[in-house]
Amino acid sequence: MVHDLRFGRFLKLSALAAAGAVAMSACGGPNLGKENFARTTVPAAGDSAATSGPITDPAVAPAVLRDLLPCQFVDKTAMSPLGALQGEARASSTQFDSCVAKATDPGGKEIRASVEVGGIVTFASDKTTGVVGGLPQVEVPDLGGGSGCVVSALTARNPSFGVSFRIDYTGGDACAAGRKLVATAVEKLHNNPQKYTPGPGTLLAVDPCTVLDPAAVEGVVKGAKPRPSGLHSCEWGLIPSVRVTMFPGVAPSEGDGWLKADVGTPNQAYSKQGGTGSSCQVKWQHRQWKEDHVEVVQLEYSNSDAQADKDDPCGKTVGLAKQLAGKLPAA
């Protein structure tokens, strides 16, 4: 099975649920007059350069966003316009760019906010509601008056990426809460946002679409071009396909189908063949991250049109991993 770490799947799931939503003003909650925070004005969508043109803001370039601490966008200060933060904002243990927090509004209702920095934004072309801080704003409420909403500030197009908030707010207006957080986040992006300081050799700053040699990929996936799937992941091809992902996690180890593999790294690499079609994963520890977590590199190959005994998926994946390992910064 291909290992999917995207905490930002909440964006895709929420967007699919919203496909039948009738209008962007129907945010799935009671009137703002019944809420405990002020109304946020959203500019009407229009065919302006800001809502449909290229995004060239240097503050939201991928290289900049990769370094940012995600929890600053849902910390006590960011959540204060909505209510009182409950506990601390919690960074994802399997992603560099995600964080979640909970707050209680003045009326006692719980607000859950998840942020993903640089994740894929679905329905960006037809759910753009206006502009926030010069960036297109995309708003996707849950279908049928549900309690959730995803609000994003687009940072790139083709494919569409952004700083996105998934809000769950039973009894409240989740879209209005999301707009508050997006406005605060965009302001912070333009005013010295907090950055990671992990030290030399980190994978944080690595562009995953540059770590495989085109000739090496061509030998496995013909004619494939790199396609970013996040700040720390990139894909080549569809069927077959190759994907590189970098994330924090527990140190890989042998067992449960994972076998030792030699890819020329100081730390031991492990491979695991998939159970259906022809697929394989290879991963290894790159360097220490925080506490009991490390920075992990993972390379996946998948071909649903082939049989494993004739395709040698792990042979292909290990071969690519050797080339990948040589392109990474020294840990």
C-alpha atoms as a PDB file:
ATOM      1  CA  MET A   1       0.000   0.000   0.000  1.00  0.00           C
ATOM      2  CA  VAL A   2       1.275   3.423  -0.876  1.00  0.00           C
ATOM      3  CA  HIS A   3       1.873   5.427   2.248  1.00  0.00           C
ATOM      4  CA  ASP A   4      -0.176   8.653   2.196  1.00  0.00           C
ATOM      5  CA  LEU A   5       0.819  11.097   4.914  1.00  0.00           C
ATOM      6  CA  ARG A   6      -1.126  14.128   3.838  1.00  0.00           C
ATOM      7  CA  PHE A   7      -2.751  15.643   6.878  1.00  0.00           C
ATOM      8  CA  GLY A   8      -4.308  17.955   4.274  1.00  0.00           C
ATOM      9  CA  ARG A   9      -6.683  15.205   3.141  1.00  0.00           C
ATOM     10  CA  PHE A  10      -9.265  17.127   5.160  1.00  0.00           C
ATOM     11  CA  LEU A  11      -9.188  19.690   2.345  1.00  0.00           C
ATOM     12  CA  LYS A  12     -10.022  17.144  -0.325  1.00  0.00           C
ATOM     13  CA  LEU A  13     -12.693  15.391   1.748  1.00  0.00           C
ATOM     14  CA  SER A  14     -14.380  18.625   2.696  1.00  0.00           C
ATOM     15  CA  ALA A  15     -14.257  19.863  -0.866  1.00  0.00           C
ATOM     16  CA  LEU A  16     -15.868  16.710  -2.182  1.00  0.00           C
ATOM     17  CA  ALA A  17     -18.600  17.015   0.402  1.00  0.00           C
ATOM     18  CA  ALA A  18     -19.196  20.553  -0.782  1.00  0.00           C
ATOM     19  CA  ALA A  19     -19.494  19.784  -4.463  1.00  0.00           C
ATOM     20  CA  GLY A  20     -23.233  20.230  -4.374  1.00  0.00           C
ATOM     21  CA  ALA A  21     -23.282  23.390  -2.297  1.00  0.00           C
ATOM     22  CA  VAL A  22     -25.609  25.957  -3.860  1.00  0.00           C
ATOM     23  CA  ALA A  23     -23.834  29.214  -2.974  1.00  0.00           C
ATOM     24  CA  MET A  24     -20.751  30.417  -1.190  1.00  0.00           C
ATOM     25  CA  SER A  25     -22.855  32.527   1.173  1.00  0.00           C
ATOM     26  CA  ALA A  26     -24.423  29.384   2.602  1.00  0.00           C
ATOM     27  CA  CYS A  27     -21.662  28.582   5.095  1.00  0.00           C
ATOM     28  CA  GLY A  28     -23.588  25.997   7.020  1.00  0.00           C
ATOM     29  CA  GLY A  29     -24.302  27.873  10.272  1.00  0.00           C
ATOM     30  CA  PRO A  30     -26.627  30.414  11.829  1.00  0.00           C
ATOM     31  CA  ASN A  31     -26.554  34.110  10.972  1.00  0.00           C
ATOM     32  CA  LEU A  32     -23.479  36.056  11.991  1.00  0.00           C
ATOM     33  CA  GLY A  33     -25.752  38.162  14.154  1.00  0.00           C
ATOM     34  CA  LYS A  34     -25.993  35.169  16.464  1.00  0.00           C
ATOM     35  CA  GLU A  35     -22.253  34.653  16.612  1.00  0.00           C
ATOM     36  CA  ASN A  36     -19.794  35.818  19.203  1.00  0.00           C
ATOM     37  CA  PHE A  37     -17.299  37.527  16.919  1.00  0.00           C
ATOM     38  CA  ALA A  38     -17.547  40.328  14.400  1.00  0.00           C
ATOM     39  CA  ARG A  39     -18.582  39.867  10.797  1.00  0.00           C
ATOM     40  CA  THR A  40     -15.795  39.605   8.232  1.00  0.00           C
ATOM     41  CA  THR A  41     -16.487  41.323   4.930  1.00  0.00           C
ATOM     42  CA  VAL A  42     -15.665  39.178   1.906  1.00  0.00           C
ATOM     43  CA  PRO A  43     -15.193  40.964  -1.419  1.00  0.00           C
ATOM     44  CA  ALA A  44     -17.404  39.690  -4.199  1.00  0.00           C
ATOM     45  CA  ALA A  45     -15.765  37.250  -6.565  1.00  0.00           C
ATOM     46  CA  GLY A  46     -14.755  38.794  -9.850  1.00  0.00           C
ATOM     47  CA  ASP A  47     -12.623  38.278 -12.884  1.00  0.00           C
ATOM     48  CA  SER A  48      -9.926  40.595 -11.589  1.00  0.00           C
ATOM     49  CA  ALA A  49      -6.180  40.086 -11.729  1.00  0.00           C
ATOM     50  CA  ALA A  50      -6.188  39.391  -8.001  1.00  0.00           C
ATOM     51  CA  THR A  51      -8.734  36.577  -8.176  1.00  0.00           C
ATOM     52  CA  SER A  52      -7.758  34.965 -11.467  1.00  0.00           C
ATOM     53  CA  GLY A  53      -4.287  36.161 -12.443  1.00  0.00           C
ATOM     54  CA  PRO A  54      -0.864  34.714 -11.626  1.00  0.00           C
ATOM     55  CA  ILE A  55       0.330  34.737  -8.015  1.00  0.00           C
ATOM     56  CA  THR A  56       3.746  36.379  -7.760  1.00  0.00           C
ATOM     57  CA  ASP A  57       3.865  37.415  -4.095  1.00  0.00           C
ATOM     58  CA  PRO A  58       7.386  36.541  -2.863  1.00  0.00           C
ATOM     59  CA  ALA A  59       6.085  36.097   0.689  1.00  0.00           C
ATOM     60  CA  VAL A  60       4.259  32.912  -0.354  1.00  0.00           C
ATOM     61  CA  ALA A  61       6.860  31.320  -2.620  1.00  0.00           C
ATOM     62  CA  PRO A  62       7.305  27.586  -1.882  1.00  0.00           C
ATOM     63  CA  ALA A  63      10.885  28.087  -0.683  1.00  0.00           C
ATOM     64  CA  VAL A  64       9.609  30.584   1.905  1.00  0.00           C
ATOM     65  CA  LEU A  65       6.616  28.528   3.032  1.00  0.00           C
ATOM     66  CA  ARG A  66       8.730  25.403   3.616  1.00  0.00           C
ATOM     67  CA  ASP A  67      10.521  27.108   6.503  1.00  0.00           C
ATOM     68  CA  LEU A  68       7.421  28.321   8.364  1.00  0.00           C
ATOM     69  CA  LEU A  69       6.122  27.030  11.690  1.00  0.00           C
ATOM     70  CA  PRO A  70       2.486  26.032  11.085  1.00  0.00           C
ATOM     71  CA  CYS A  71       1.271  26.414  14.673  1.00  0.00           C
ATOM     72  CA  GLN A  72       1.735  30.196  14.600  1.00  0.00           C
ATOM     73  CA  PHE A  73      -1.421  30.345  12.465  1.00  0.00           C
ATOM     74  CA  VAL A  74      -3.617  28.690  15.126  1.00  0.00           C
ATOM     75  CA  ASP A  75      -1.863  29.781  18.322  1.00  0.00           C
ATOM     76  CA  LYS A  76      -3.409  31.793  21.155  1.00  0.00           C
ATOM     77  CA  THR A  77      -3.032  35.105  19.335  1.00  0.00           C
ATOM     78  CA  ALA A  78      -4.457  33.817  16.046  1.00  0.00           C
ATOM     79  CA  MET A  79      -7.418  32.104  17.731  1.00  0.00           C
ATOM     80  CA  SER A  80      -8.243  34.962  20.126  1.00  0.00           C
ATOM     81  CA  PRO A  81     -10.763  36.674  17.780  1.00  0.00           C
ATOM     82  CA  LEU A  82     -12.756  33.423  17.857  1.00  0.00           C
ATOM     83  CA  GLY A  83     -12.481  32.469  21.518  1.00  0.00           C
ATOM     84  CA  ALA A  84     -10.215  31.110  24.230  1.00  0.00           C
ATOM     85  CA  LEU A  85      -7.596  28.577  23.121  1.00  0.00           C
ATOM     86  CA  GLN A  86      -7.919  25.218  24.882  1.00  0.00           C
ATOM     87  CA  GLY A  87      -4.474  23.873  25.706  1.00  0.00           C
ATOM     88  CA  GLU A  88      -1.737  24.399  23.139  1.00  0.00           C
ATOM     89  CA  ALA A  89      -1.806  24.197  19.371  1.00  0.00           C
ATOM     90  CA  ARG A  90      -0.419  20.766  18.380  1.00  0.00           C
ATOM     91  CA  ALA A  91       1.906  20.304  15.447  1.00  0.00           C
ATOM     92  CA  SER A  92       1.379  17.215  13.315  1.00  0.00           C
ATOM     93  CA  SER A  93       3.699  14.327  14.134  1.00  0.00           C
ATOM     94  CA  THR A  94       3.776  13.217  10.481  1.00  0.00           C
ATOM     95  CA  GLN A  95       3.941  16.521   8.581  1.00  0.00           C
ATOM     96  CA  PHE A  96       6.188  19.556   8.718  1.00  0.00           C
ATOM     97  CA  ASP A  97       3.440  21.940   7.648  1.00  0.00           C
ATOM     98  CA  SER A  98       0.296  21.140   9.682  1.00  0.00           C
ATOM     99  CA  CYS A  99      -1.086  22.035  13.100  1.00  0.00           C
ATOM    100  CA  VAL A 100      -4.401  21.753  14.953  1.00  0.00           C
ATOM    101  CA  ALA A 101      -5.967  23.737  17.778  1.00  0.00           C
ATOM    102  CA  LYS A 102      -9.234  23.978  19.710  1.00  0.00           C
ATOM    103  CA  ALA A 103     -10.930  27.025  21.196  1.00  0.00           C
ATOM    104  CA  THR A 104     -14.159  27.794  23.004  1.00  0.00           C
ATOM    105  CA  ASP A 105     -16.166  30.817  21.891  1.00  0.00           C
ATOM    106  CA  PRO A 106     -17.757  33.191  24.445  1.00  0.00           C
ATOM    107  CA  GLY A 107     -20.990  31.219  24.197  1.00  0.00           C
ATOM    108  CA  GLY A 108     -19.277  27.931  25.109  1.00  0.00           C
ATOM    109  CA  LYS A 109     -19.217  26.368  21.628  1.00  0.00           C
ATOM    110  CA  GLU A 110     -16.092  24.480  20.547  1.00  0.00           C
ATOM    111  CA  ILE A 111     -14.126  25.551  17.476  1.00  0.00           C
ATOM    112  CA  ARG A 112     -11.626  23.118  15.980  1.00  0.00           C
ATOM    113  CA  ALA A 113      -9.141  24.584  13.509  1.00  0.00           C
ATOM    114  CA  SER A 114      -6.606  22.680  11.409  1.00  0.00           C
ATOM    115  CA  VAL A 115      -4.083  24.499   9.240  1.00  0.00           C
ATOM    116  CA  GLU A 116      -1.983  23.198   6.375  1.00  0.00           C
ATOM    117  CA  VAL A 117       0.692  25.438   4.888  1.00  0.00           C
ATOM    118  CA  GLY A 118       1.213  24.856   1.186  1.00  0.00           C
ATOM    119  CA  GLY A 119      -1.330  22.081   0.716  1.00  0.00           C
ATOM    120  CA  ILE A 120      -3.434  21.370  -2.370  1.00  0.00           C
ATOM    121  CA  VAL A 121      -6.572  23.534  -2.633  1.00  0.00           C
ATOM    122  CA  THR A 122      -9.467  21.891  -4.469  1.00  0.00           C
ATOM    123  CA  PHE A 123     -12.215  23.785  -6.316  1.00  0.00           C
ATOM    124  CA  ALA A 124      -9.981  26.869  -6.448  1.00  0.00           C
ATOM    125  CA  SER A 125     -11.293  27.932  -9.862  1.00  0.00           C
ATOM    126  CA  ASP A 126     -14.998  28.051  -8.952  1.00  0.00           C
ATOM    127  CA  LYS A 127     -14.946  28.676  -5.193  1.00  0.00           C
ATOM    128  CA  THR A 128     -12.879  31.861  -5.138  1.00  0.00           C
ATOM    129  CA  THR A 129     -14.833  34.356  -3.038  1.00  0.00           C
ATOM    130  CA  GLY A 130     -12.566  37.387  -3.178  1.00  0.00           C
ATOM    131  CA  VAL A 131      -9.141  38.597  -2.108  1.00  0.00           C
ATOM    132  CA  VAL A 132      -7.349  38.565   1.239  1.00  0.00           C
ATOM    133  CA  GLY A 133      -4.110  40.515   1.550  1.00  0.00           C
ATOM    134  CA  GLY A 134      -3.668  40.463  -2.214  1.00  0.00           C
ATOM    135  CA  LEU A 135      -4.148  36.676  -2.451  1.00  0.00           C
ATOM    136  CA  PRO A 136      -7.202  34.883  -3.865  1.00  0.00           C
ATOM    137  CA  GLN A 137      -9.477  33.512  -1.125  1.00  0.00           C
ATOM    138  CA  VAL A 138     -11.198  30.163  -1.643  1.00  0.00           C
ATOM    139  CA  GLU A 139     -14.112  29.123   0.577  1.00  0.00           C
ATOM    140  CA  VAL A 140     -15.650  25.645   0.550  1.00  0.00           C
ATOM    141  CA  PRO A 141     -18.470  25.045   3.070  1.00  0.00           C
ATOM    142  CA  ASP A 142     -19.676  21.573   3.978  1.00  0.00           C
ATOM    143  CA  LEU A 143     -22.595  20.247   1.998  1.00  0.00           C
ATOM    144  CA  GLY A 144     -26.118  20.597   3.331  1.00  0.00           C
ATOM    145  CA  GLY A 145     -25.541  23.027   6.161  1.00  0.00           C
ATOM    146  CA  GLY A 146     -22.836  20.994   7.884  1.00  0.00           C
ATOM    147  CA  SER A 147     -20.706  22.378  10.680  1.00  0.00           C
ATOM    148  CA  GLY A 148     -17.449  22.661   8.742  1.00  0.00           C
ATOM    149  CA  CYS A 149     -15.755  24.854   6.171  1.00  0.00           C
ATOM    150  CA  VAL A 150     -12.381  25.073   4.457  1.00  0.00           C
ATOM    151  CA  VAL A 151     -11.055  28.571   3.794  1.00  0.00           C
ATOM    152  CA  SER A 152      -7.770  29.090   1.951  1.00  0.00           C
ATOM    153  CA  ALA A 153      -5.508  31.844   0.720  1.00  0.00           C
ATOM    154  CA  LEU A 154      -4.077  30.671  -2.597  1.00  0.00           C
ATOM    155  CA  THR A 155      -0.296  30.821  -2.852  1.00  0.00           C
ATOM    156  CA  ALA A 156       0.163  29.161  -6.256  1.00  0.00           C
ATOM    157  CA  ARG A 157      -1.798  28.038  -9.311  1.00  0.00           C
ATOM    158  CA  ASN A 158      -1.593  25.071 -11.694  1.00  0.00           C
ATOM    159  CA  PRO A 159      -1.711  23.175  -9.430  1.00  0.00           C
ATOM    160  CA  SER A 160      -3.468  25.236  -6.779  1.00  0.00           C
ATOM    161  CA  PHE A 161      -1.773  25.422  -3.378  1.00  0.00           C
ATOM    162  CA  GLY A 162      -2.484  27.589  -0.370  1.00  0.00           C
ATOM    163  CA  VAL A 163      -2.513  28.205   3.344  1.00  0.00           C
ATOM    164  CA  SER A 164      -5.725  26.409   4.272  1.00  0.00           C
ATOM    165  CA  PHE A 165      -7.869  26.154   7.371  1.00  0.00           C
ATOM    166  CA  ARG A 166     -10.381  23.409   8.054  1.00  0.00           C
ATOM    167  CA  ILE A 167     -12.868  24.691  10.649  1.00  0.00           C
ATOM    168  CA  ASP A 168     -15.409  22.580  12.538  1.00  0.00           C
ATOM    169  CA  TYR A 169     -17.807  24.733  14.525  1.00  0.00           C
ATOM    170  CA  THR A 170     -21.098  23.117  15.557  1.00  0.00           C
ATOM    171  CA  GLY A 171     -23.681  25.798  16.194  1.00  0.00           C
ATOM    172  CA  GLY A 172     -21.461  28.521  14.733  1.00  0.00           C
ATOM    173  CA  ASP A 173     -20.421  29.910  11.359  1.00  0.00           C
ATOM    174  CA  ALA A 174     -17.358  27.908  10.340  1.00  0.00           C
ATOM    175  CA  CYS A 175     -16.748  29.885   7.147  1.00  0.00           C
ATOM    176  CA  ALA A 176     -16.693  33.209   9.015  1.00  0.00           C
ATOM    177  CA  ALA A 177     -14.258  31.749  11.541  1.00  0.00           C
ATOM    178  CA  GLY A 178     -12.078  30.491   8.692  1.00  0.00           C
ATOM    179  CA  ARG A 179     -12.025  33.905   7.075  1.00  0.00           C
ATOM    180  CA  LYS A 180     -10.813  35.404  10.350  1.00  0.00           C
ATOM    181  CA  LEU A 181      -7.933  32.925  10.537  1.00  0.00           C
ATOM    182  CA  VAL A 182      -6.992  33.340   6.877  1.00  0.00           C
ATOM    183  CA  ALA A 183      -6.879  37.136   7.214  1.00  0.00           C
ATOM    184  CA  THR A 184      -4.638  36.860  10.273  1.00  0.00           C
ATOM    185  CA  ALA A 185      -2.412  34.300   8.545  1.00  0.00           C
ATOM    186  CA  VAL A 186      -1.901  36.392   5.410  1.00  0.00           C
ATOM    187  CA  GLU A 187      -1.042  39.421   7.505  1.00  0.00           C
ATOM    188  CA  LYS A 188       1.504  37.323   9.394  1.00  0.00           C
ATOM    189  CA  LEU A 189       2.967  35.981   6.144  1.00  0.00           C
ATOM    190  CA  HIS A 190       3.812  39.544   5.192  1.00  0.00           C
ATOM    191  CA  ASN A 191       5.213  40.522   8.591  1.00  0.00           C
ATOM    192  CA  ASN A 192       8.130  38.344   9.749  1.00  0.00           C
ATOM    193  CA  PRO A 193       6.458  34.949  10.198  1.00  0.00           C
ATOM    194  CA  GLN A 194       8.052  32.505  12.622  1.00  0.00           C
ATOM    195  CA  LYS A 195      10.423  29.974  11.077  1.00  0.00           C
ATOM    196  CA  TYR A 196      11.850  26.593  11.943  1.00  0.00           C
ATOM    197  CA  THR A 197      15.490  26.524  13.077  1.00  0.00           C
ATOM    198  CA  PRO A 198      16.380  22.846  12.614  1.00  0.00           C
ATOM    199  CA  GLY A 199      20.042  23.320  11.716  1.00  0.00           C
ATOM    200  CA  PRO A 200      22.141  22.227   8.717  1.00  0.00           C
ATOM    201  CA  GLY A 201      21.285  19.176   6.668  1.00  0.00           C
ATOM    202  CA  THR A 202      17.535  19.351   7.202  1.00  0.00           C
ATOM    203  CA  LEU A 203      15.067  18.179   4.572  1.00  0.00           C
ATOM    204  CA  LEU A 204      12.797  21.147   5.277  1.00  0.00           C
ATOM    205  CA  ALA A 205      14.339  23.373   2.631  1.00  0.00           C
ATOM    206  CA  VAL A 206      14.589  20.665  -0.055  1.00  0.00           C
ATOM    207  CA  ASP A 207      12.418  21.015  -3.164  1.00  0.00           C
ATOM    208  CA  PRO A 208      11.213  17.416  -3.638  1.00  0.00           C
ATOM    209  CA  CYS A 209      10.708  17.915  -7.366  1.00  0.00           C
ATOM    210  CA  THR A 210      14.460  18.419  -7.874  1.00  0.00           C
ATOM    211  CA  VAL A 211      15.822  15.333  -6.129  1.00  0.00           C
ATOM    212  CA  LEU A 212      15.417  12.774  -8.916  1.00  0.00           C
ATOM    213  CA  ASP A 213      17.467  12.928 -12.073  1.00  0.00           C
ATOM    214  CA  PRO A 214      15.169  13.065 -15.135  1.00  0.00           C
ATOM    215  CA  ALA A 215      17.146  10.297 -16.822  1.00  0.00           C
ATOM    216  CA  ALA A 216      16.703   8.037 -13.781  1.00  0.00           C
ATOM    217  CA  VAL A 217      12.946   8.646 -13.727  1.00  0.00           C
ATOM    218  CA  GLU A 218      12.722   8.077 -17.482  1.00  0.00           C
ATOM    219  CA  GLY A 219      14.030   4.562 -16.966  1.00  0.00           C
ATOM    220  CA  VAL A 220      11.082   3.779 -14.700  1.00  0.00           C
ATOM    221  CA  VAL A 221       8.253   6.101 -15.843  1.00  0.00           C
ATOM    222  CA  LYS A 222       8.484   7.107 -19.504  1.00  0.00           C
ATOM    223  CA  GLY A 223       7.906  10.758 -20.330  1.00  0.00           C
ATOM    224  CA  ALA A 224       7.019  11.750 -16.761  1.00  0.00           C
ATOM    225  CA  LYS A 225       7.493  15.310 -15.538  1.00  0.00           C
ATOM    226  CA  PRO A 226       7.707  16.324 -11.856  1.00  0.00           C
ATOM    227  CA  ARG A 227       4.397  17.468 -10.379  1.00  0.00           C
ATOM    228  CA  PRO A 228       4.405  18.973  -6.864  1.00  0.00           C
ATOM    229  CA  SER A 229       1.837  17.429  -4.530  1.00  0.00           C
ATOM    230  CA  GLY A 230       2.785  19.531  -1.506  1.00  0.00           C
ATOM    231  CA  LEU A 231       5.703  21.507  -0.135  1.00  0.00           C
ATOM    232  CA  HIS A 232       7.520  18.288   0.763  1.00  0.00           C
ATOM    233  CA  SER A 233       6.252  15.812  -1.828  1.00  0.00           C
ATOM    234  CA  CYS A 234       6.403  15.401  -5.591  1.00  0.00           C
ATOM    235  CA  GLU A 235       5.017  12.913  -8.111  1.00  0.00           C
ATOM    236  CA  TRP A 236       6.007  11.687 -11.550  1.00  0.00           C
ATOM    237  CA  GLY A 237       3.502   9.989 -13.842  1.00  0.00           C
ATOM    238  CA  LEU A 238       0.098   8.410 -13.155  1.00  0.00           C
ATOM    239  CA  ILE A 239       0.296   4.736 -14.180  1.00  0.00           C
ATOM    240  CA  PRO A 240       3.035   3.911 -13.450  1.00  0.00           C
ATOM    241  CA  SER A 241       3.990   6.587 -10.962  1.00  0.00           C
ATOM    242  CA  VAL A 242       6.782   7.601  -8.623  1.00  0.00           C
ATOM    243  CA  ARG A 243       6.413   9.756  -5.524  1.00  0.00           C
ATOM    244  CA  VAL A 244       8.974  11.289  -3.151  1.00  0.00           C
ATOM    245  CA  THR A 245       7.847  12.430   0.303  1.00  0.00           C
ATOM    246  CA  MET A 246       9.798  13.935   3.202  1.00  0.00           C
ATOM    247  CA  PHE A 247       8.233  14.049   6.647  1.00  0.00           C
ATOM    248  CA  PRO A 248       8.852  13.774  10.387  1.00  0.00           C
ATOM    249  CA  GLY A 249       8.136  10.394  11.919  1.00  0.00           C
ATOM    250  CA  VAL A 250       9.458   7.479  13.915  1.00  0.00           C
ATOM    251  CA  ALA A 251      12.680   5.890  12.701  1.00  0.00           C
ATOM    252  CA  PRO A 252      12.037   3.157  10.098  1.00  0.00           C
ATOM    253  CA  SER A 253      12.827  -0.381  11.194  1.00  0.00           C
ATOM    254  CA  GLU A 254      12.735  -3.971  10.003  1.00  0.00           C
ATOM    255  CA  GLY A 255       9.597  -6.083  10.384  1.00  0.00           C
ATOM    256  CA  ASP A 256       5.981  -6.225   9.218  1.00  0.00           C
ATOM    257  CA  GLY A 257       7.120  -6.727   5.642  1.00  0.00           C
ATOM    258  CA  TRP A 258       9.890  -4.118   5.767  1.00  0.00           C
ATOM    259  CA  LEU A 259      13.267  -5.564   4.724  1.00  0.00           C
ATOM    260  CA  LYS A 260      16.737  -4.047   4.804  1.00  0.00           C
ATOM    261  CA  ALA A 261      17.747  -2.350   1.564  1.00  0.00           C
ATOM    262  CA  ASP A 262      21.045  -0.833   0.483  1.00  0.00           C
ATOM    263  CA  VAL A 263      20.679   2.652  -0.993  1.00  0.00           C
ATOM    264  CA  GLY A 264      24.054   3.977   0.123  1.00  0.00           C
ATOM    265  CA  THR A 265      22.859   6.006   3.107  1.00  0.00           C
ATOM    266  CA  PRO A 266      24.569   6.211   6.520  1.00  0.00           C
ATOM    267  CA  ASN A 267      21.329   5.069   8.170  1.00  0.00           C
ATOM    268  CA  GLN A 268      19.786   1.751   7.191  1.00  0.00           C
ATOM    269  CA  ALA A 269      17.067   1.912   4.520  1.00  0.00           C
ATOM    270  CA  TYR A 270      14.108  -0.463   4.329  1.00  0.00           C
ATOM    271  CA  SER A 271      11.874  -1.589   1.475  1.00  0.00           C
ATOM    272  CA  LYS A 272       8.408  -3.124   1.388  1.00  0.00           C
ATOM    273  CA  GLN A 273       6.600  -4.574  -1.599  1.00  0.00           C
ATOM    274  CA  GLY A 274       2.877  -3.838  -1.938  1.00  0.00           C
ATOM    275  CA  GLY A 275       0.234  -6.522  -1.950  1.00  0.00           C
ATOM    276  CA  THR A 276      -1.670  -5.559  -5.108  1.00  0.00           C
ATOM    277  CA  GLY A 277      -0.454  -4.721  -8.597  1.00  0.00           C
ATOM    278  CA  SER A 278       3.216  -3.820  -8.695  1.00  0.00           C
ATOM    279  CA  SER A 279       4.344  -1.407  -6.005  1.00  0.00           C
ATOM    280  CA  CYS A 280       7.140  -0.826  -3.523  1.00  0.00           C
ATOM    281  CA  GLN A 281       8.218   1.713  -0.927  1.00  0.00           C
ATOM    282  CA  VAL A 282      11.700   2.522   0.301  1.00  0.00           C
ATOM    283  CA  LYS A 283      12.344   4.767   3.295  1.00  0.00           C
ATOM    284  CA  TRP A 284      15.117   5.700   5.660  1.00  0.00           C
ATOM    285  CA  GLN A 285      16.058   8.092   8.448  1.00  0.00           C
ATOM    286  CA  HIS A 286      17.834  11.186   7.191  1.00  0.00           C
ATOM    287  CA  ARG A 287      18.579  12.974  10.485  1.00  0.00           C
ATOM    288  CA  GLN A 288      17.180  13.639  13.937  1.00  0.00           C
ATOM    289  CA  TRP A 289      14.109  15.894  14.095  1.00  0.00           C
ATOM    290  CA  LYS A 290      12.611  16.475  17.552  1.00  0.00           C
ATOM    291  CA  GLU A 291      12.467  14.276  20.633  1.00  0.00           C
ATOM    292  CA  ASP A 292      11.772  10.711  19.437  1.00  0.00           C
ATOM    293  CA  HIS A 293      11.052  11.715  15.833  1.00  0.00           C
ATOM    294  CA  VAL A 294      13.407  11.813  12.853  1.00  0.00           C
ATOM    295  CA  GLU A 295      13.317  13.241   9.354  1.00  0.00           C
ATOM    296  CA  VAL A 296      12.245  10.478   6.990  1.00  0.00           C
ATOM    297  CA  VAL A 297      12.718  10.165   3.231  1.00  0.00           C
ATOM    298  CA  GLN A 298      10.268   7.923   1.400  1.00  0.00           C
ATOM    299  CA  LEU A 299      10.173   6.913  -2.252  1.00  0.00           C
ATOM    300  CA  GLU A 300       7.205   5.005  -3.700  1.00  0.00           C
ATOM    301  CA  TYR A 301       6.693   3.269  -7.021  1.00  0.00           C
ATOM    302  CA  SER A 302       3.305   1.992  -8.188  1.00  0.00           C
ATOM    303  CA  ASN A 303       2.037   0.370 -11.386  1.00  0.00           C
ATOM    304  CA  SER A 304      -1.467  -1.036 -11.232  1.00  0.00           C
ATOM    305  CA  ASP A 305      -1.180  -2.274 -14.830  1.00  0.00           C
ATOM    306  CA  ALA A 306       1.747  -4.603 -14.099  1.00  0.00           C
ATOM    307  CA  GLN A 307       2.386  -7.804 -12.178  1.00  0.00           C
ATOM    308  CA  ALA A 308       5.035  -7.648  -9.476  1.00  0.00           C
ATOM    309  CA  ASP A 309       6.787 -10.877 -10.498  1.00  0.00           C
ATOM    310  CA  LYS A 310       7.405  -9.428 -13.971  1.00  0.00           C
ATOM    311  CA  ASP A 311       7.936  -5.773 -13.057  1.00  0.00           C
ATOM    312  CA  ASP A 312      10.451  -5.977 -10.170  1.00  0.00           C
ATOM    313  CA  PRO A 313       8.963  -2.981  -8.285  1.00  0.00           C
ATOM    314  CA  CYS A 314      11.438  -2.991  -5.410  1.00  0.00           C
ATOM    315  CA  GLY A 315      14.373  -3.273  -7.790  1.00  0.00           C
ATOM    316  CA  LYS A 316      13.171  -0.137  -9.562  1.00  0.00           C
ATOM    317  CA  THR A 317      12.441   1.694  -6.325  1.00  0.00           C
ATOM    318  CA  VAL A 318      15.756   0.856  -4.676  1.00  0.00           C
ATOM    319  CA  GLY A 319      17.596   1.931  -7.836  1.00  0.00           C
ATOM    320  CA  LEU A 320      15.847   5.316  -7.797  1.00  0.00           C
ATOM    321  CA  ALA A 321      16.416   5.638  -4.051  1.00  0.00           C
ATOM    322  CA  LYS A 322      20.182   5.291  -4.533  1.00  0.00           C
ATOM    323  CA  GLN A 323      20.135   8.221  -6.922  1.00  0.00           C
ATOM    324  CA  LEU A 324      17.828  10.201  -4.618  1.00  0.00           C
ATOM    325  CA  ALA A 325      20.055   9.645  -1.569  1.00  0.00           C
ATOM    326  CA  GLY A 326      22.991  11.210  -3.375  1.00  0.00           C
ATOM    327  CA  LYS A 327      21.028  14.421  -4.078  1.00  0.00           C
ATOM    328  CA  LEU A 328      20.036  15.136  -0.452  1.00  0.00           C
ATOM    329  CA  PRO A 329      21.947  17.487   1.870  1.00  0.00           C
ATOM    330  CA  ALA A 330      24.461  15.849   4.185  1.00  0.00           C
ATOM    331  CA  ALA A 331      22.786  15.155   7.514  1.00  0.00           C
END
